[in-house]
């Protein structure tokens, strides 16, 4: 299996957790406390709670924060947050948005004009993995920065959380790390111990390779010629990711076809399974839906030799041409 979608869909492992981590009012729960402390120490935060990585889960966080100040959300965040933010607005609450530019970067002018006390913004954009300079964001606002740290963690984030499904393959709760009293303290009995254990274990095993991007890019250009184009600058994406587009084809068609060759790729959230939803982020950048359906992304967690890379590209090109012929009939 050639796995080129590791940031969206990791290898699902057997889920096993020792009964030692179970919680009880009749014991001191030392094992879980050690686990929790290890997680907090890894990212240098003092508090840990768990919550649902879903529209309702993020809506709960937004409602909690709304009692303390104004909120802003980057349009480049996970769909669950975008859904929650829109529902938050529909309930009558005010919220500021940080948009995306045509090149995939955040609209820094939106940041400059913010009057928010809290910002949901990560060090990378979902789907394209364009890097976001949180140090610059920090210099332009006094707002507390809350970030998705599943693929990359920034020291300029004031609180971080994790996409459990993308890290573990299971729809468990998410872990949220922060300092002081940003969120209410959580009773230990309400903490999802399985999620804490599984996410930390996945993060320990998480591994990316930065040597593959340029090689794959050159070979893709060589193989596809004028049929390939780039919606974002590869030099501005995470070092272990590559985003590109193929003309006159829907990404889900080649995703499904390549799966039969045991080559796994994606075009964004939920799409490596060949679902019909186009990239929301590409459309937010200002491109029409048809263009957003051309988008594909690779992420690298393994180093391949040149022969293997050339073989993969050859299969990609072959399947692409076959699909184009079938679409023309």
C-alpha atoms as a PDB file:
ATOM      1  CA  UNK A   1       0.000   0.000   0.000  1.00  0.00           C
ATOM      2  CA  UNK A   2       1.256   3.466  -0.944  1.00  0.00           C
ATOM      3  CA  UNK A   3      -0.147   5.901   1.612  1.00  0.00           C
ATOM      4  CA  UNK A   4      -0.086   9.526   0.465  1.00  0.00           C
ATOM      5  CA  UNK A   5      -2.900  10.812   2.671  1.00  0.00           C
ATOM      6  CA  UNK A   6      -1.449  10.370   6.144  1.00  0.00           C
ATOM      7  CA  UNK A   7      -2.639  13.732   7.468  1.00  0.00           C
ATOM      8  CA  UNK A   8      -6.232  12.911   6.595  1.00  0.00           C
ATOM      9  CA  UNK A   9      -6.411   9.184   7.226  1.00  0.00           C
ATOM     10  CA  UNK A  10      -3.752   7.507   9.371  1.00  0.00           C
ATOM     11  CA  UNK A  11      -3.305   3.773   9.596  1.00  0.00           C
ATOM     12  CA  UNK A  12      -6.019   2.621  11.968  1.00  0.00           C
ATOM     13  CA  UNK A  13      -4.491   0.648  14.825  1.00  0.00           C
ATOM     14  CA  UNK A  14      -6.090  -1.857  17.179  1.00  0.00           C
ATOM     15  CA  UNK A  15      -7.692   0.079  19.983  1.00  0.00           C
ATOM     16  CA  UNK A  16      -6.557  -1.266  23.348  1.00  0.00           C
ATOM     17  CA  UNK A  17      -6.440   0.446  26.708  1.00  0.00           C
ATOM     18  CA  UNK A  18      -5.586  -1.095  30.049  1.00  0.00           C
ATOM     19  CA  UNK A  19      -8.208  -1.234  32.794  1.00  0.00           C
ATOM     20  CA  UNK A  20      -5.623   0.536  34.976  1.00  0.00           C
ATOM     21  CA  UNK A  21      -6.751   3.791  33.343  1.00  0.00           C
ATOM     22  CA  UNK A  22     -10.398   3.334  34.298  1.00  0.00           C
ATOM     23  CA  UNK A  23     -11.761   5.934  36.710  1.00  0.00           C
ATOM     24  CA  UNK A  24     -13.295   5.229  40.074  1.00  0.00           C
ATOM     25  CA  UNK A  25     -14.324   7.281  43.078  1.00  0.00           C
ATOM     26  CA  UNK A  26     -12.872   4.533  45.270  1.00  0.00           C
ATOM     27  CA  UNK A  27      -9.275   4.895  44.050  1.00  0.00           C
ATOM     28  CA  UNK A  28      -6.808   7.708  43.427  1.00  0.00           C
ATOM     29  CA  UNK A  29      -6.656   7.249  39.631  1.00  0.00           C
ATOM     30  CA  UNK A  30      -2.871   7.577  39.589  1.00  0.00           C
ATOM     31  CA  UNK A  31      -2.414   5.944  36.205  1.00  0.00           C
ATOM     32  CA  UNK A  32      -4.727   8.373  34.432  1.00  0.00           C
ATOM     33  CA  UNK A  33      -3.191  11.311  36.282  1.00  0.00           C
ATOM     34  CA  UNK A  34       0.256  10.257  35.031  1.00  0.00           C
ATOM     35  CA  UNK A  35      -1.105   9.954  31.492  1.00  0.00           C
ATOM     36  CA  UNK A  36      -2.768  13.362  31.675  1.00  0.00           C
ATOM     37  CA  UNK A  37       0.377  14.968  33.084  1.00  0.00           C
ATOM     38  CA  UNK A  38       2.471  13.420  30.306  1.00  0.00           C
ATOM     39  CA  UNK A  39       0.142  14.906  27.679  1.00  0.00           C
ATOM     40  CA  UNK A  40       0.185  18.373  29.289  1.00  0.00           C
ATOM     41  CA  UNK A  41       3.962  18.322  29.683  1.00  0.00           C
ATOM     42  CA  UNK A  42       4.493  17.309  26.049  1.00  0.00           C
ATOM     43  CA  UNK A  43       2.932  20.578  24.881  1.00  0.00           C
ATOM     44  CA  UNK A  44       3.707  22.738  27.944  1.00  0.00           C
ATOM     45  CA  UNK A  45       0.133  23.392  29.070  1.00  0.00           C
ATOM     46  CA  UNK A  46      -1.322  23.158  32.565  1.00  0.00           C
ATOM     47  CA  UNK A  47      -4.954  22.187  31.857  1.00  0.00           C
ATOM     48  CA  UNK A  48      -6.609  19.378  29.891  1.00  0.00           C
ATOM     49  CA  UNK A  49     -10.246  18.692  29.082  1.00  0.00           C
ATOM     50  CA  UNK A  50     -11.967  16.526  26.480  1.00  0.00           C
ATOM     51  CA  UNK A  51     -14.843  17.523  24.195  1.00  0.00           C
ATOM     52  CA  UNK A  52     -16.608  16.311  21.078  1.00  0.00           C
ATOM     53  CA  UNK A  53     -14.794  17.158  17.812  1.00  0.00           C
ATOM     54  CA  UNK A  54     -18.094  17.990  16.110  1.00  0.00           C
ATOM     55  CA  UNK A  55     -20.418  20.867  15.361  1.00  0.00           C
ATOM     56  CA  UNK A  56     -22.098  20.532  18.749  1.00  0.00           C
ATOM     57  CA  UNK A  57     -18.776  20.177  20.573  1.00  0.00           C
ATOM     58  CA  UNK A  58     -17.295  23.337  19.094  1.00  0.00           C
ATOM     59  CA  UNK A  59     -20.579  25.191  19.565  1.00  0.00           C
ATOM     60  CA  UNK A  60     -20.255  24.420  23.262  1.00  0.00           C
ATOM     61  CA  UNK A  61     -16.764  25.945  23.309  1.00  0.00           C
ATOM     62  CA  UNK A  62     -17.994  29.032  21.451  1.00  0.00           C
ATOM     63  CA  UNK A  63     -20.870  29.517  23.887  1.00  0.00           C
ATOM     64  CA  UNK A  64     -18.484  29.207  26.851  1.00  0.00           C
ATOM     65  CA  UNK A  65     -16.070  31.753  25.377  1.00  0.00           C
ATOM     66  CA  UNK A  66     -18.862  34.165  24.431  1.00  0.00           C
ATOM     67  CA  UNK A  67     -19.363  34.826  28.144  1.00  0.00           C
ATOM     68  CA  UNK A  68     -15.812  36.193  28.312  1.00  0.00           C
ATOM     69  CA  UNK A  69     -15.439  38.135  25.076  1.00  0.00           C
ATOM     70  CA  UNK A  70     -15.740  38.342  21.314  1.00  0.00           C
ATOM     71  CA  UNK A  71     -14.766  35.486  18.994  1.00  0.00           C
ATOM     72  CA  UNK A  72     -13.232  35.219  15.520  1.00  0.00           C
ATOM     73  CA  UNK A  73     -12.859  32.126  13.333  1.00  0.00           C
ATOM     74  CA  UNK A  74     -10.580  31.526  10.368  1.00  0.00           C
ATOM     75  CA  UNK A  75     -12.475  30.177   7.363  1.00  0.00           C
ATOM     76  CA  UNK A  76      -9.547  27.781   6.846  1.00  0.00           C
ATOM     77  CA  UNK A  77     -10.390  25.707   9.924  1.00  0.00           C
ATOM     78  CA  UNK A  78     -12.016  22.270  10.079  1.00  0.00           C
ATOM     79  CA  UNK A  79     -15.558  21.986   8.777  1.00  0.00           C
ATOM     80  CA  UNK A  80     -16.889  21.126  12.251  1.00  0.00           C
ATOM     81  CA  UNK A  81     -15.746  24.542  13.517  1.00  0.00           C
ATOM     82  CA  UNK A  82     -17.195  26.350  10.504  1.00  0.00           C
ATOM     83  CA  UNK A  83     -20.533  24.604  11.049  1.00  0.00           C
ATOM     84  CA  UNK A  84     -20.476  25.486  14.749  1.00  0.00           C
ATOM     85  CA  UNK A  85     -19.574  29.127  14.033  1.00  0.00           C
ATOM     86  CA  UNK A  86     -22.460  29.485  11.573  1.00  0.00           C
ATOM     87  CA  UNK A  87     -24.866  27.941  14.068  1.00  0.00           C
ATOM     88  CA  UNK A  88     -23.458  30.288  16.717  1.00  0.00           C
ATOM     89  CA  UNK A  89     -24.361  33.227  14.453  1.00  0.00           C
ATOM     90  CA  UNK A  90     -27.815  31.784  13.740  1.00  0.00           C
ATOM     91  CA  UNK A  91     -28.481  31.850  17.493  1.00  0.00           C
ATOM     92  CA  UNK A  92     -27.967  35.608  17.438  1.00  0.00           C
ATOM     93  CA  UNK A  93     -24.349  35.840  18.574  1.00  0.00           C
ATOM     94  CA  UNK A  94     -21.844  38.040  16.756  1.00  0.00           C
ATOM     95  CA  UNK A  95     -18.680  36.509  15.317  1.00  0.00           C
ATOM     96  CA  UNK A  96     -15.861  37.799  13.118  1.00  0.00           C
ATOM     97  CA  UNK A  97     -14.440  35.836  10.173  1.00  0.00           C
ATOM     98  CA  UNK A  98     -10.884  35.682   8.820  1.00  0.00           C
ATOM     99  CA  UNK A  99     -11.057  34.963   5.108  1.00  0.00           C
ATOM    100  CA  UNK A 100      -8.679  33.337   2.643  1.00  0.00           C
ATOM    101  CA  UNK A 101      -6.916  34.968  -0.271  1.00  0.00           C
ATOM    102  CA  UNK A 102      -6.709  33.579  -3.792  1.00  0.00           C
ATOM    103  CA  UNK A 103      -3.220  32.190  -3.078  1.00  0.00           C
ATOM    104  CA  UNK A 104      -4.508  30.222  -0.074  1.00  0.00           C
ATOM    105  CA  UNK A 105      -3.055  32.448   2.652  1.00  0.00           C
ATOM    106  CA  UNK A 106      -5.237  34.000   5.325  1.00  0.00           C
ATOM    107  CA  UNK A 107      -6.395  37.551   4.706  1.00  0.00           C
ATOM    108  CA  UNK A 108      -4.066  39.385   7.035  1.00  0.00           C
ATOM    109  CA  UNK A 109      -6.143  42.558   6.671  1.00  0.00           C
ATOM    110  CA  UNK A 110      -8.986  40.731   8.395  1.00  0.00           C
ATOM    111  CA  UNK A 111      -6.645  40.009  11.289  1.00  0.00           C
ATOM    112  CA  UNK A 112      -5.558  43.631  11.504  1.00  0.00           C
ATOM    113  CA  UNK A 113      -9.148  44.806  11.837  1.00  0.00           C
ATOM    114  CA  UNK A 114     -10.209  42.224  14.422  1.00  0.00           C
ATOM    115  CA  UNK A 115     -11.838  43.256  17.661  1.00  0.00           C
ATOM    116  CA  UNK A 116     -11.928  39.710  18.987  1.00  0.00           C
ATOM    117  CA  UNK A 117     -10.707  38.361  22.304  1.00  0.00           C
ATOM    118  CA  UNK A 118     -10.435  34.768  21.041  1.00  0.00           C
ATOM    119  CA  UNK A 119      -9.435  33.428  17.602  1.00  0.00           C
ATOM    120  CA  UNK A 120      -9.843  29.919  16.273  1.00  0.00           C
ATOM    121  CA  UNK A 121      -6.907  29.843  13.863  1.00  0.00           C
ATOM    122  CA  UNK A 122      -4.287  27.137  13.304  1.00  0.00           C
ATOM    123  CA  UNK A 123      -0.733  27.098  12.002  1.00  0.00           C
ATOM    124  CA  UNK A 124      -1.980  25.547   8.744  1.00  0.00           C
ATOM    125  CA  UNK A 125      -5.063  25.638   6.530  1.00  0.00           C
ATOM    126  CA  UNK A 126      -7.212  22.513   6.297  1.00  0.00           C
ATOM    127  CA  UNK A 127      -7.024  20.713   2.888  1.00  0.00           C
ATOM    128  CA  UNK A 128      -4.189  22.737   1.334  1.00  0.00           C
ATOM    129  CA  UNK A 129      -1.880  22.740   4.404  1.00  0.00           C
ATOM    130  CA  UNK A 130      -0.732  26.265   3.592  1.00  0.00           C
ATOM    131  CA  UNK A 131       1.226  27.489   6.612  1.00  0.00           C
ATOM    132  CA  UNK A 132      -0.174  30.293   8.758  1.00  0.00           C
ATOM    133  CA  UNK A 133       2.307  32.564  10.500  1.00  0.00           C
ATOM    134  CA  UNK A 134       0.858  32.639  13.998  1.00  0.00           C
ATOM    135  CA  UNK A 135       3.766  34.768  15.196  1.00  0.00           C
ATOM    136  CA  UNK A 136       2.585  37.468  12.805  1.00  0.00           C
ATOM    137  CA  UNK A 137      -1.020  36.982  13.917  1.00  0.00           C
ATOM    138  CA  UNK A 138       0.142  37.296  17.520  1.00  0.00           C
ATOM    139  CA  UNK A 139       1.882  40.575  16.723  1.00  0.00           C
ATOM    140  CA  UNK A 140      -1.316  42.054  15.266  1.00  0.00           C
ATOM    141  CA  UNK A 141      -3.807  41.137  17.978  1.00  0.00           C
ATOM    142  CA  UNK A 142      -4.017  40.512  21.703  1.00  0.00           C
ATOM    143  CA  UNK A 143      -6.604  37.800  21.166  1.00  0.00           C
ATOM    144  CA  UNK A 144      -6.094  34.324  22.599  1.00  0.00           C
ATOM    145  CA  UNK A 145      -5.218  31.893  19.773  1.00  0.00           C
ATOM    146  CA  UNK A 146      -6.892  28.464  19.771  1.00  0.00           C
ATOM    147  CA  UNK A 147      -5.445  26.025  17.229  1.00  0.00           C
ATOM    148  CA  UNK A 148      -5.780  22.584  15.684  1.00  0.00           C
ATOM    149  CA  UNK A 149      -2.446  20.882  16.416  1.00  0.00           C
ATOM    150  CA  UNK A 150      -3.141  17.560  14.687  1.00  0.00           C
ATOM    151  CA  UNK A 151      -0.634  18.128  11.864  1.00  0.00           C
ATOM    152  CA  UNK A 152       1.521  20.890  13.292  1.00  0.00           C
ATOM    153  CA  UNK A 153       1.802  22.650  16.627  1.00  0.00           C
ATOM    154  CA  UNK A 154       2.917  26.258  17.079  1.00  0.00           C
ATOM    155  CA  UNK A 155       4.407  27.762  20.228  1.00  0.00           C
ATOM    156  CA  UNK A 156       2.327  30.858  19.481  1.00  0.00           C
ATOM    157  CA  UNK A 157      -0.942  29.032  20.151  1.00  0.00           C
ATOM    158  CA  UNK A 158      -2.518  29.743  23.539  1.00  0.00           C
ATOM    159  CA  UNK A 159      -4.644  26.590  23.414  1.00  0.00           C
ATOM    160  CA  UNK A 160      -4.553  23.528  21.161  1.00  0.00           C
ATOM    161  CA  UNK A 161      -6.859  20.647  20.305  1.00  0.00           C
ATOM    162  CA  UNK A 162      -6.645  17.520  18.166  1.00  0.00           C
ATOM    163  CA  UNK A 163      -8.726  15.923  15.408  1.00  0.00           C
ATOM    164  CA  UNK A 164      -9.145  12.475  16.918  1.00  0.00           C
ATOM    165  CA  UNK A 165     -10.463  10.718  13.838  1.00  0.00           C
ATOM    166  CA  UNK A 166      -7.588  11.879  11.652  1.00  0.00           C
ATOM    167  CA  UNK A 167      -5.056  10.864  14.284  1.00  0.00           C
ATOM    168  CA  UNK A 168      -6.503   7.551  15.412  1.00  0.00           C
ATOM    169  CA  UNK A 169      -9.138   6.469  12.901  1.00  0.00           C
ATOM    170  CA  UNK A 170     -11.758   6.437  15.664  1.00  0.00           C
ATOM    171  CA  UNK A 171     -14.440   9.040  16.392  1.00  0.00           C
ATOM    172  CA  UNK A 172     -13.462   9.557  20.002  1.00  0.00           C
ATOM    173  CA  UNK A 173     -13.522  12.840  21.903  1.00  0.00           C
ATOM    174  CA  UNK A 174     -10.894  15.497  21.287  1.00  0.00           C
ATOM    175  CA  UNK A 175      -8.328  16.728  23.788  1.00  0.00           C
ATOM    176  CA  UNK A 176      -8.074  20.460  24.479  1.00  0.00           C
ATOM    177  CA  UNK A 177      -4.972  21.855  26.206  1.00  0.00           C
ATOM    178  CA  UNK A 178      -4.784  25.363  27.666  1.00  0.00           C
ATOM    179  CA  UNK A 179      -3.561  27.435  30.602  1.00  0.00           C
ATOM    180  CA  UNK A 180      -5.216  29.305  33.455  1.00  0.00           C
ATOM    181  CA  UNK A 181      -9.032  29.454  33.449  1.00  0.00           C
ATOM    182  CA  UNK A 182      -9.676  29.759  29.714  1.00  0.00           C
ATOM    183  CA  UNK A 183     -12.260  26.969  30.018  1.00  0.00           C
ATOM    184  CA  UNK A 184     -14.011  25.577  33.082  1.00  0.00           C
ATOM    185  CA  UNK A 185     -12.279  22.786  34.952  1.00  0.00           C
ATOM    186  CA  UNK A 186     -13.659  19.384  33.994  1.00  0.00           C
ATOM    187  CA  UNK A 187     -14.640  16.783  36.551  1.00  0.00           C
ATOM    188  CA  UNK A 188     -12.360  13.785  36.053  1.00  0.00           C
ATOM    189  CA  UNK A 189     -15.321  11.455  35.638  1.00  0.00           C
ATOM    190  CA  UNK A 190     -16.375  13.364  32.490  1.00  0.00           C
ATOM    191  CA  UNK A 191     -12.971  13.098  30.806  1.00  0.00           C
ATOM    192  CA  UNK A 192     -12.743  10.667  27.909  1.00  0.00           C
ATOM    193  CA  UNK A 193      -9.819   8.543  29.074  1.00  0.00           C
ATOM    194  CA  UNK A 194      -9.861   6.423  25.919  1.00  0.00           C
ATOM    195  CA  UNK A 195      -9.474   9.563  23.814  1.00  0.00           C
ATOM    196  CA  UNK A 196      -6.617  10.943  25.939  1.00  0.00           C
ATOM    197  CA  UNK A 197      -4.745   7.644  25.756  1.00  0.00           C
ATOM    198  CA  UNK A 198      -5.360   7.061  22.035  1.00  0.00           C
ATOM    199  CA  UNK A 199      -4.504  10.592  20.895  1.00  0.00           C
ATOM    200  CA  UNK A 200      -1.295  10.731  22.912  1.00  0.00           C
ATOM    201  CA  UNK A 201      -0.290   7.315  21.601  1.00  0.00           C
ATOM    202  CA  UNK A 202      -0.996   8.423  18.003  1.00  0.00           C
ATOM    203  CA  UNK A 203       1.025  11.613  18.467  1.00  0.00           C
ATOM    204  CA  UNK A 204       3.979   9.632  19.791  1.00  0.00           C
ATOM    205  CA  UNK A 205       3.890   7.475  16.662  1.00  0.00           C
ATOM    206  CA  UNK A 206       3.248  10.356  14.265  1.00  0.00           C
ATOM    207  CA  UNK A 207       6.060  10.677  11.732  1.00  0.00           C
ATOM    208  CA  UNK A 208       6.465  12.803   8.623  1.00  0.00           C
ATOM    209  CA  UNK A 209       9.069  12.828   5.867  1.00  0.00           C
ATOM    210  CA  UNK A 210      10.180  16.153   4.401  1.00  0.00           C
ATOM    211  CA  UNK A 211      12.449  14.828   1.646  1.00  0.00           C
ATOM    212  CA  UNK A 212       9.659  13.707  -0.700  1.00  0.00           C
ATOM    213  CA  UNK A 213       7.772  16.876  -1.648  1.00  0.00           C
ATOM    214  CA  UNK A 214      10.151  18.307  -4.264  1.00  0.00           C
ATOM    215  CA  UNK A 215      10.853  14.903  -5.809  1.00  0.00           C
ATOM    216  CA  UNK A 216       7.169  14.092  -6.186  1.00  0.00           C
ATOM    217  CA  UNK A 217       6.441  17.577  -7.511  1.00  0.00           C
ATOM    218  CA  UNK A 218       9.117  17.352 -10.213  1.00  0.00           C
ATOM    219  CA  UNK A 219       7.985  13.872 -11.245  1.00  0.00           C
ATOM    220  CA  UNK A 220       4.322  14.951 -11.337  1.00  0.00           C
ATOM    221  CA  UNK A 221       5.130  17.898 -13.591  1.00  0.00           C
ATOM    222  CA  UNK A 222       7.234  15.637 -15.797  1.00  0.00           C
ATOM    223  CA  UNK A 223       4.467  13.047 -16.050  1.00  0.00           C
ATOM    224  CA  UNK A 224       1.387  15.268 -16.381  1.00  0.00           C
ATOM    225  CA  UNK A 225       2.823  18.226 -18.284  1.00  0.00           C
ATOM    226  CA  UNK A 226       0.134  20.821 -19.010  1.00  0.00           C
ATOM    227  CA  UNK A 227      -2.544  18.730 -17.291  1.00  0.00           C
ATOM    228  CA  UNK A 228      -1.270  19.631 -13.816  1.00  0.00           C
ATOM    229  CA  UNK A 229      -1.504  22.996 -12.086  1.00  0.00           C
ATOM    230  CA  UNK A 230      -0.982  24.385  -8.593  1.00  0.00           C
ATOM    231  CA  UNK A 231      -3.581  26.374  -6.654  1.00  0.00           C
ATOM    232  CA  UNK A 232      -1.148  27.115  -3.816  1.00  0.00           C
ATOM    233  CA  UNK A 233       2.610  27.618  -3.716  1.00  0.00           C
ATOM    234  CA  UNK A 234       4.212  24.357  -2.556  1.00  0.00           C
ATOM    235  CA  UNK A 235       6.899  26.372  -0.793  1.00  0.00           C
ATOM    236  CA  UNK A 236       4.212  27.782   1.504  1.00  0.00           C
ATOM    237  CA  UNK A 237       2.699  24.464   2.599  1.00  0.00           C
ATOM    238  CA  UNK A 238       3.791  22.176   5.424  1.00  0.00           C
ATOM    239  CA  UNK A 239       7.109  20.591   4.486  1.00  0.00           C
ATOM    240  CA  UNK A 240       5.588  17.104   4.296  1.00  0.00           C
ATOM    241  CA  UNK A 241       2.608  18.036   2.128  1.00  0.00           C
ATOM    242  CA  UNK A 242       2.013  18.738  -1.557  1.00  0.00           C
ATOM    243  CA  UNK A 243      -1.153  20.209  -3.051  1.00  0.00           C
ATOM    244  CA  UNK A 244      -1.945  20.251  -6.774  1.00  0.00           C
ATOM    245  CA  UNK A 245      -4.810  19.901  -9.258  1.00  0.00           C
ATOM    246  CA  UNK A 246      -5.448  17.902 -12.419  1.00  0.00           C
ATOM    247  CA  UNK A 247      -7.406  19.450 -15.276  1.00  0.00           C
ATOM    248  CA  UNK A 248     -10.769  18.189 -16.498  1.00  0.00           C
ATOM    249  CA  UNK A 249     -11.243  15.481 -13.903  1.00  0.00           C
ATOM    250  CA  UNK A 250     -13.043  15.132 -10.582  1.00  0.00           C
ATOM    251  CA  UNK A 251     -10.594  14.173  -7.879  1.00  0.00           C
ATOM    252  CA  UNK A 252     -12.940  11.563  -6.424  1.00  0.00           C
ATOM    253  CA  UNK A 253     -12.741   9.615  -9.704  1.00  0.00           C
ATOM    254  CA  UNK A 254      -9.000   9.156  -9.510  1.00  0.00           C
ATOM    255  CA  UNK A 255      -9.109   8.660  -5.716  1.00  0.00           C
ATOM    256  CA  UNK A 256     -11.439   5.689  -6.135  1.00  0.00           C
ATOM    257  CA  UNK A 257      -9.507   4.277  -9.064  1.00  0.00           C
ATOM    258  CA  UNK A 258      -6.113   4.531  -7.389  1.00  0.00           C
ATOM    259  CA  UNK A 259      -7.488   2.792  -4.286  1.00  0.00           C
ATOM    260  CA  UNK A 260      -7.775  -0.320  -6.472  1.00  0.00           C
ATOM    261  CA  UNK A 261      -4.026   0.019  -7.078  1.00  0.00           C
ATOM    262  CA  UNK A 262      -3.477   0.358  -3.302  1.00  0.00           C
ATOM    263  CA  UNK A 263      -2.461   4.010  -3.705  1.00  0.00           C
ATOM    264  CA  UNK A 264      -4.273   6.231  -1.225  1.00  0.00           C
ATOM    265  CA  UNK A 265      -4.623   9.965  -1.907  1.00  0.00           C
ATOM    266  CA  UNK A 266      -7.159  12.627  -0.933  1.00  0.00           C
ATOM    267  CA  UNK A 267      -8.563  16.015  -1.886  1.00  0.00           C
ATOM    268  CA  UNK A 268      -9.470  17.143   1.591  1.00  0.00           C
ATOM    269  CA  UNK A 269     -11.680  16.433   4.559  1.00  0.00           C
ATOM    270  CA  UNK A 270     -13.677  13.266   4.054  1.00  0.00           C
ATOM    271  CA  UNK A 271     -12.654  12.851   0.438  1.00  0.00           C
ATOM    272  CA  UNK A 272     -10.018  10.132   0.412  1.00  0.00           C
ATOM    273  CA  UNK A 273     -12.924   7.710   0.515  1.00  0.00           C
ATOM    274  CA  UNK A 274     -14.087   9.089  -2.832  1.00  0.00           C
ATOM    275  CA  UNK A 275     -16.986  11.111  -1.492  1.00  0.00           C
ATOM    276  CA  UNK A 276     -18.651  13.687  -3.704  1.00  0.00           C
ATOM    277  CA  UNK A 277     -17.961  16.784  -1.603  1.00  0.00           C
ATOM    278  CA  UNK A 278     -15.443  19.117  -3.319  1.00  0.00           C
ATOM    279  CA  UNK A 279     -12.850  21.065  -1.369  1.00  0.00           C
ATOM    280  CA  UNK A 280     -14.614  23.750   0.647  1.00  0.00           C
ATOM    281  CA  UNK A 281     -11.315  25.554   1.242  1.00  0.00           C
ATOM    282  CA  UNK A 282     -10.536  25.936  -2.480  1.00  0.00           C
ATOM    283  CA  UNK A 283     -13.942  27.535  -2.978  1.00  0.00           C
ATOM    284  CA  UNK A 284     -13.324  29.867  -0.023  1.00  0.00           C
ATOM    285  CA  UNK A 285     -10.131  30.950  -1.809  1.00  0.00           C
ATOM    286  CA  UNK A 286     -12.352  32.253  -4.597  1.00  0.00           C
ATOM    287  CA  UNK A 287     -12.344  29.393  -7.100  1.00  0.00           C
ATOM    288  CA  UNK A 288     -15.494  27.978  -8.653  1.00  0.00           C
ATOM    289  CA  UNK A 289     -16.744  24.546  -7.620  1.00  0.00           C
ATOM    290  CA  UNK A 290     -15.514  22.879 -10.818  1.00  0.00           C
ATOM    291  CA  UNK A 291     -11.937  23.941 -10.045  1.00  0.00           C
ATOM    292  CA  UNK A 292     -12.258  22.789  -6.432  1.00  0.00           C
ATOM    293  CA  UNK A 293     -13.077  19.296  -7.716  1.00  0.00           C
ATOM    294  CA  UNK A 294      -9.667  19.133  -9.448  1.00  0.00           C
ATOM    295  CA  UNK A 295      -7.752  19.472  -6.180  1.00  0.00           C
ATOM    296  CA  UNK A 296      -5.573  16.695  -4.755  1.00  0.00           C
ATOM    297  CA  UNK A 297      -3.152  16.639  -1.853  1.00  0.00           C
ATOM    298  CA  UNK A 298      -0.326  14.337  -0.815  1.00  0.00           C
ATOM    299  CA  UNK A 299       1.226  14.026   2.624  1.00  0.00           C
ATOM    300  CA  UNK A 300       4.345  11.989   3.255  1.00  0.00           C
ATOM    301  CA  UNK A 301       5.057   9.691   6.188  1.00  0.00           C
ATOM    302  CA  UNK A 302       7.431   7.345   4.380  1.00  0.00           C
ATOM    303  CA  UNK A 303      10.473   7.761   2.157  1.00  0.00           C
ATOM    304  CA  UNK A 304      10.278   6.154  -1.279  1.00  0.00           C
ATOM    305  CA  UNK A 305      13.172   5.556  -3.655  1.00  0.00           C
ATOM    306  CA  UNK A 306      13.116   7.113  -7.128  1.00  0.00           C
ATOM    307  CA  UNK A 307      12.021   3.868  -8.782  1.00  0.00           C
ATOM    308  CA  UNK A 308       8.988   3.596  -6.510  1.00  0.00           C
ATOM    309  CA  UNK A 309       8.068   7.261  -7.024  1.00  0.00           C
ATOM    310  CA  UNK A 310       8.326   6.925 -10.801  1.00  0.00           C
ATOM    311  CA  UNK A 311       6.157   3.804 -10.662  1.00  0.00           C
ATOM    312  CA  UNK A 312       3.507   5.612  -8.620  1.00  0.00           C
ATOM    313  CA  UNK A 313       3.496   8.605 -10.984  1.00  0.00           C
ATOM    314  CA  UNK A 314       3.252   6.302 -13.987  1.00  0.00           C
ATOM    315  CA  UNK A 315       0.148   4.667 -12.507  1.00  0.00           C
ATOM    316  CA  UNK A 316      -1.360   8.074 -11.682  1.00  0.00           C
ATOM    317  CA  UNK A 317      -0.846   9.308 -15.219  1.00  0.00           C
ATOM    318  CA  UNK A 318      -2.248   6.112 -16.706  1.00  0.00           C
ATOM    319  CA  UNK A 319      -5.397   6.178 -14.562  1.00  0.00           C
ATOM    320  CA  UNK A 320      -5.852   9.876 -15.225  1.00  0.00           C
ATOM    321  CA  UNK A 321      -5.773   9.367 -18.991  1.00  0.00           C
ATOM    322  CA  UNK A 322      -8.143   6.392 -18.758  1.00  0.00           C
ATOM    323  CA  UNK A 323     -10.673   8.414 -16.785  1.00  0.00           C
ATOM    324  CA  UNK A 324     -10.438  11.341 -19.195  1.00  0.00           C
ATOM    325  CA  UNK A 325     -11.146   9.028 -22.133  1.00  0.00           C
ATOM    326  CA  UNK A 326     -14.142   7.498 -20.365  1.00  0.00           C
ATOM    327  CA  UNK A 327     -15.492  10.962 -19.501  1.00  0.00           C
ATOM    328  CA  UNK A 328     -15.271  12.037 -23.126  1.00  0.00           C
ATOM    329  CA  UNK A 329     -17.409   9.134 -24.354  1.00  0.00           C
END
